[in-house]
C-alpha atoms as a PDB file:
ATOM      1  CA  MET A   1       0.000   0.000   0.000  1.00  0.00           C
ATOM      2  CA  THR A   2       1.320   3.441  -0.862  1.00  0.00           C
ATOM      3  CA  GLN A   3       0.902   6.661   1.055  1.00  0.00           C
ATOM      4  CA  ALA A   4       0.223  10.048  -0.471  1.00  0.00           C
ATOM      5  CA  ALA A   5       3.377  11.955  -1.315  1.00  0.00           C
ATOM      6  CA  THR A   6       3.667  15.368   0.233  1.00  0.00           C
ATOM      7  CA  GLU A   7       6.736  17.520  -0.056  1.00  0.00           C
ATOM      8  CA  ASP A   8       7.347  17.058   3.678  1.00  0.00           C
ATOM      9  CA  SER A   9       7.019  13.267   3.536  1.00  0.00           C
ATOM     10  CA  ILE A  10       9.469  13.040   0.621  1.00  0.00           C
ATOM     11  CA  ARG A  11      11.944  15.305   2.442  1.00  0.00           C
ATOM     12  CA  ARG A  12      11.626  13.185   5.592  1.00  0.00           C
ATOM     13  CA  ILE A  13      12.336   9.983   3.642  1.00  0.00           C
ATOM     14  CA  TYR A  14      15.257  11.703   1.909  1.00  0.00           C
ATOM     15  CA  ARG A  15      16.789  12.712   5.261  1.00  0.00           C
ATOM     16  CA  ASP A  16      16.111   9.308   6.813  1.00  0.00           C
ATOM     17  CA  THR A  17      17.564   7.229   3.979  1.00  0.00           C
ATOM     18  CA  LEU A  18      20.257   9.365   2.352  1.00  0.00           C
ATOM     19  CA  ASP A  19      23.297   8.151   4.310  1.00  0.00           C
ATOM     20  CA  ASP A  20      22.413   4.459   4.057  1.00  0.00           C
ATOM     21  CA  PHE A  21      21.362   4.791   0.413  1.00  0.00           C
ATOM     22  CA  TYR A  22      24.556   6.650  -0.499  1.00  0.00           C
ATOM     23  CA  GLY A  23      26.579   3.870   1.178  1.00  0.00           C
ATOM     24  CA  VAL A  24      24.775   1.135  -0.765  1.00  0.00           C
ATOM     25  CA  VAL A  25      25.298   2.927  -4.072  1.00  0.00           C
ATOM     26  CA  SER A  26      28.926   3.753  -3.261  1.00  0.00           C
ATOM     27  CA  ARG A  27      29.728   0.089  -2.646  1.00  0.00           C
ATOM     28  CA  ARG A  28      28.120  -0.861  -5.958  1.00  0.00           C
ATOM     29  CA  CYS A  29      30.197   1.841  -7.687  1.00  0.00           C
ATOM     30  CA  ASP A  30      33.437   0.525  -6.129  1.00  0.00           C
ATOM     31  CA  GLY A  31      33.797   3.830  -4.285  1.00  0.00           C
ATOM     32  CA  ASP A  32      33.678   5.983  -7.453  1.00  0.00           C
ATOM     33  CA  ARG A  33      32.403   9.167  -5.822  1.00  0.00           C
ATOM     34  CA  GLU A  34      31.347  10.959  -9.004  1.00  0.00           C
ATOM     35  CA  LEU A  35      29.380   7.964 -10.270  1.00  0.00           C
ATOM     36  CA  THR A  36      27.833   7.432  -6.833  1.00  0.00           C
ATOM     37  CA  GLU A  37      26.660  11.031  -6.661  1.00  0.00           C
ATOM     38  CA  ASP A  38      25.239  10.867 -10.192  1.00  0.00           C
ATOM     39  CA  VAL A  39      23.318   7.659  -9.441  1.00  0.00           C
ATOM     40  CA  VAL A  40      21.991   8.922  -6.100  1.00  0.00           C
ATOM     41  CA  GLN A  41      20.863  12.176  -7.704  1.00  0.00           C
ATOM     42  CA  GLU A  42      19.221  10.475 -10.697  1.00  0.00           C
ATOM     43  CA  THR A  43      17.478   7.968  -8.429  1.00  0.00           C
ATOM     44  CA  TRP A  44      16.059  10.712  -6.232  1.00  0.00           C
ATOM     45  CA  LEU A  45      14.886  12.716  -9.245  1.00  0.00           C
ATOM     46  CA  ARG A  46      13.013   9.647 -10.441  1.00  0.00           C
ATOM     47  CA  ALA A  47      11.663   8.999  -6.946  1.00  0.00           C
ATOM     48  CA  VAL A  48      10.213  12.477  -6.583  1.00  0.00           C
ATOM     49  CA  ARG A  49       8.534  12.275 -10.007  1.00  0.00           C
ATOM     50  CA  ALA A  50       7.188   8.761  -9.490  1.00  0.00           C
ATOM     51  CA  TRP A  51       6.122   9.246  -5.891  1.00  0.00           C
ATOM     52  CA  GLN A  52       4.236  12.451  -6.678  1.00  0.00           C
ATOM     53  CA  LEU A  53       2.245  10.524  -9.291  1.00  0.00           C
ATOM     54  CA  ASP A  54       1.881   7.113  -7.645  1.00  0.00           C
ATOM     55  CA  GLY A  55       2.404   7.791  -3.939  1.00  0.00           C
ATOM     56  CA  ILE A  56       5.259   6.723  -1.702  1.00  0.00           C
ATOM     57  CA  PRO A  57       5.950   2.980  -1.844  1.00  0.00           C
ATOM     58  CA  GLU A  58       5.627   0.871   1.276  1.00  0.00           C
ATOM     59  CA  LYS A  59       9.406   0.321   1.351  1.00  0.00           C
ATOM     60  CA  PRO A  60      11.054   3.480  -0.028  1.00  0.00           C
ATOM     61  CA  MET A  61      14.613   2.218   0.532  1.00  0.00           C
ATOM     62  CA  ALA A  62      13.891  -0.949  -1.471  1.00  0.00           C
ATOM     63  CA  TRP A  63      12.388   1.186  -4.259  1.00  0.00           C
ATOM     64  CA  LEU A  64      15.445   3.460  -4.284  1.00  0.00           C
ATOM     65  CA  THR A  65      17.868   0.533  -4.288  1.00  0.00           C
ATOM     66  CA  THR A  66      16.060  -1.189  -7.155  1.00  0.00           C
ATOM     67  CA  VAL A  67      16.035   1.960  -9.287  1.00  0.00           C
ATOM     68  CA  ALA A  68      19.709   2.658  -8.515  1.00  0.00           C
ATOM     69  CA  SER A  69      20.600  -0.924  -9.520  1.00  0.00           C
ATOM     70  CA  ARG A  70      18.871  -0.443 -12.860  1.00  0.00           C
ATOM     71  CA  ILE A  71      20.614   2.888 -13.446  1.00  0.00           C
ATOM     72  CA  LEU A  72      23.981   1.280 -12.673  1.00  0.00           C
ATOM     73  CA  ALA A  73      23.274  -1.762 -14.832  1.00  0.00           C
ATOM     74  CA  ASN A  74      22.487   0.533 -17.747  1.00  0.00           C
ATOM     75  CA  HIS A  75      25.574   2.630 -17.036  1.00  0.00           C
ATOM     76  CA  PHE A  76      27.897  -0.385 -16.981  1.00  0.00           C
ATOM     77  CA  ARG A  77      26.217  -1.968 -19.987  1.00  0.00           C
ATOM     78  CA  ARG A  78      26.794   1.206 -22.034  1.00  0.00           C
ATOM     79  CA  ARG A  79      30.420   1.430 -20.907  1.00  0.00           C
ATOM     80  CA  ALA A  80      31.185  -2.299 -21.063  1.00  0.00           C
ATOM     81  CA  PRO A  81      33.047  -2.494 -24.390  1.00  0.00           C
ATOM     82  CA  ASP A  82      35.793  -0.088 -23.400  1.00  0.00           C
ATOM     83  CA  ARG A  83      36.145  -0.708 -19.665  1.00  0.00           C
ATOM     84  CA  LEU A  84      38.629  -3.523 -20.021  1.00  0.00           C
ATOM     85  CA  ASP A  85      40.366  -2.036 -23.049  1.00  0.00           C
ATOM     86  CA  GLU A  86      44.035  -2.375 -22.202  1.00  0.00           C
ATOM     87  CA  SER A  87      44.838   0.936 -23.925  1.00  0.00           C
ATOM     88  CA  LYS A  88      43.222   2.714 -20.945  1.00  0.00           C
ATOM     89  CA  HIS A  89      46.086   1.600 -18.715  1.00  0.00           C
ATOM     90  CA  ASP A  90      48.747   3.482 -20.655  1.00  0.00           C
ATOM     91  CA  VAL A  91      47.533   6.350 -22.793  1.00  0.00           C
ATOM     92  CA  GLU A  92      51.093   7.135 -23.909  1.00  0.00           C
ATOM     93  CA  ALA A  93      51.630   3.737 -25.535  1.00  0.00           C
ATOM     94  CA  THR A  94      51.532   4.101 -29.276  1.00  0.00           C
ATOM     95  CA  ASP A  95      53.661   1.449 -30.951  1.00  0.00           C
ATOM     96  CA  SER A  96      52.540  -2.095 -31.615  1.00  0.00           C
ATOM     97  CA  THR A  97      55.151  -3.628 -29.296  1.00  0.00           C
ATOM     98  CA  GLU A  98      53.736  -1.769 -26.316  1.00  0.00           C
ATOM     99  CA  ARG A  99      50.177  -2.693 -27.297  1.00  0.00           C
ATOM    100  CA  LEU A 100      51.172  -6.346 -27.562  1.00  0.00           C
ATOM    101  CA  GLU A 101      52.843  -6.170 -24.157  1.00  0.00           C
ATOM    102  CA  ARG A 102      49.720  -4.630 -22.601  1.00  0.00           C
ATOM    103  CA  ARG A 103      47.483  -7.242 -24.250  1.00  0.00           C
ATOM    104  CA  SER A 104      49.783  -9.992 -22.998  1.00  0.00           C
ATOM    105  CA  LEU A 105      49.749  -8.481 -19.484  1.00  0.00           C
ATOM    106  CA  MET A 106      45.931  -8.397 -19.563  1.00  0.00           C
ATOM    107  CA  GLU A 107      45.715 -12.003 -20.786  1.00  0.00           C
ATOM    108  CA  ARG A 108      48.165 -13.246 -18.135  1.00  0.00           C
ATOM    109  CA  ALA A 109      46.273 -11.384 -15.409  1.00  0.00           C
ATOM    110  CA  LEU A 110      42.961 -12.853 -16.621  1.00  0.00           C
ATOM    111  CA  ALA A 111      44.493 -16.339 -16.651  1.00  0.00           C
ATOM    112  CA  ARG A 112      45.500 -16.006 -12.983  1.00  0.00           C
ATOM    113  CA  LEU A 113      41.943 -15.236 -11.878  1.00  0.00           C
ATOM    114  CA  PRO A 114      39.616 -17.993 -10.691  1.00  0.00           C
ATOM    115  CA  ALA A 115      37.947 -19.573 -13.747  1.00  0.00           C
ATOM    116  CA  LEU A 116      34.457 -18.223 -13.027  1.00  0.00           C
ATOM    117  CA  GLN A 117      35.756 -14.659 -12.565  1.00  0.00           C
ATOM    118  CA  GLY A 118      37.540 -14.810 -15.900  1.00  0.00           C
ATOM    119  CA  LYS A 119      34.443 -16.199 -17.614  1.00  0.00           C
ATOM    120  CA  LEU A 120      32.209 -13.498 -16.118  1.00  0.00           C
ATOM    121  CA  LEU A 121      34.585 -10.699 -17.127  1.00  0.00           C
ATOM    122  CA  GLU A 122      34.910 -12.015 -20.656  1.00  0.00           C
ATOM    123  CA  ALA A 123      31.161 -12.559 -21.053  1.00  0.00           C
ATOM    124  CA  PHE A 124      30.232  -9.078 -19.784  1.00  0.00           C
ATOM    125  CA  HIS A 125      33.082  -6.919 -21.050  1.00  0.00           C
ATOM    126  CA  LEU A 126      34.385  -8.635 -24.128  1.00  0.00           C
ATOM    127  CA  GLU A 127      31.360 -10.532 -25.441  1.00  0.00           C
ATOM    128  CA  ASP A 128      28.848  -7.809 -24.413  1.00  0.00           C
ATOM    129  CA  HIS A 129      26.407 -10.230 -22.707  1.00  0.00           C
ATOM    130  CA  SER A 130      23.775  -8.659 -20.480  1.00  0.00           C
ATOM    131  CA  MET A 131      23.728  -9.136 -16.716  1.00  0.00           C
ATOM    132  CA  ALA A 132      20.467 -11.110 -17.077  1.00  0.00           C
ATOM    133  CA  ASP A 133      21.942 -13.453 -19.700  1.00  0.00           C
ATOM    134  CA  ILE A 134      25.015 -14.135 -17.578  1.00  0.00           C
ATOM    135  CA  ALA A 135      22.870 -14.764 -14.499  1.00  0.00           C
ATOM    136  CA  ARG A 136      20.696 -17.236 -16.395  1.00  0.00           C
ATOM    137  CA  GLU A 137      23.684 -19.005 -17.923  1.00  0.00           C
ATOM    138  CA  HIS A 138      25.415 -19.485 -14.562  1.00  0.00           C
ATOM    139  CA  GLY A 139      22.323 -20.077 -12.422  1.00  0.00           C
ATOM    140  CA  LEU A 140      22.906 -16.913 -10.391  1.00  0.00           C
ATOM    141  CA  SER A 141      20.856 -13.851  -9.552  1.00  0.00           C
ATOM    142  CA  GLU A 142      21.720 -10.611 -11.346  1.00  0.00           C
ATOM    143  CA  ARG A 143      22.785  -9.154  -8.015  1.00  0.00           C
ATOM    144  CA  ALA A 144      25.186 -12.060  -7.481  1.00  0.00           C
ATOM    145  CA  VAL A 145      26.640 -11.502 -10.946  1.00  0.00           C
ATOM    146  CA  GLU A 146      27.106  -7.780 -10.163  1.00  0.00           C
ATOM    147  CA  GLY A 147      28.983  -8.607  -6.983  1.00  0.00           C
ATOM    148  CA  ARG A 148      31.125 -11.259  -8.618  1.00  0.00           C
ATOM    149  CA  LEU A 149      31.966  -8.955 -11.522  1.00  0.00           C
ATOM    150  CA  ARG A 150      32.957  -6.213  -9.084  1.00  0.00           C
ATOM    151  CA  ARG A 151      35.274  -8.594  -7.213  1.00  0.00           C
ATOM    152  CA  ALA A 152      36.628  -9.954 -10.497  1.00  0.00           C
ATOM    153  CA  ARG A 153      37.467  -6.427 -11.706  1.00  0.00           C
ATOM    154  CA  GLN A 154      39.183  -5.677  -8.406  1.00  0.00           C
ATOM    155  CA  ASN A 155      41.180  -8.903  -8.623  1.00  0.00           C
ATOM    156  CA  LEU A 156      42.089  -8.211 -12.250  1.00  0.00           C
ATOM    157  CA  ARG A 157      43.337  -4.719 -11.326  1.00  0.00           C
ATOM    158  CA  ARG A 158      45.412  -6.232  -8.510  1.00  0.00           C
ATOM    159  CA  GLU A 159      46.934  -8.824 -10.828  1.00  0.00           C
ATOM    160  CA  ILE A 160      47.784  -6.204 -13.451  1.00  0.00           C
ATOM    161  CA  ASP A 161      49.268  -3.888 -10.836  1.00  0.00           C
ATOM    162  CA  LYS A 162      51.229  -6.753  -9.264  1.00  0.00           C
ATOM    163  CA  GLU A 163      52.798  -7.808 -12.529  1.00  0.00           C
ATOM    164  CA  GLY A 164      53.137  -4.286 -13.874  1.00  0.00           C
ATOM    165  CA  GLY A 165      55.121  -3.316 -10.784  1.00  0.00           C
ATOM    166  CA  HIS A 166      52.736  -0.574  -9.657  1.00  0.00           C
END
């Protein structure tokens, strides 16, 4: 059951949920402050519009979290093809030898990851599969895939940094 949305009730919910909601979004953005702020702001803009029309949902935090997850999924889906592009690690590299070395570094780092992490990264970033498709294929929830991809990216960065001497 929804309750009528007044300006005061929306402000109260905003004050009551902002810190926890920001924390949830920040974790899903791997601490990327700019992205976190964009997602929180966009989610709240959508909440105000929707809640003024449809009323405040019974569980506002769940509503906010669901909308933020969708915004992030769309964000990562749009950015997926270039996020693991090895050229992002060294903008100065221009000759083919350096590109081959970076590609080799990326491949070696991927090979050192647990098999499932490597498969998830390749499916999402290189093969452009959707979160839903990956979840179905591996018998996981989309949320589980998000978490595993986040950990896989962190592990991949660590492996690259370890071998690259950073």
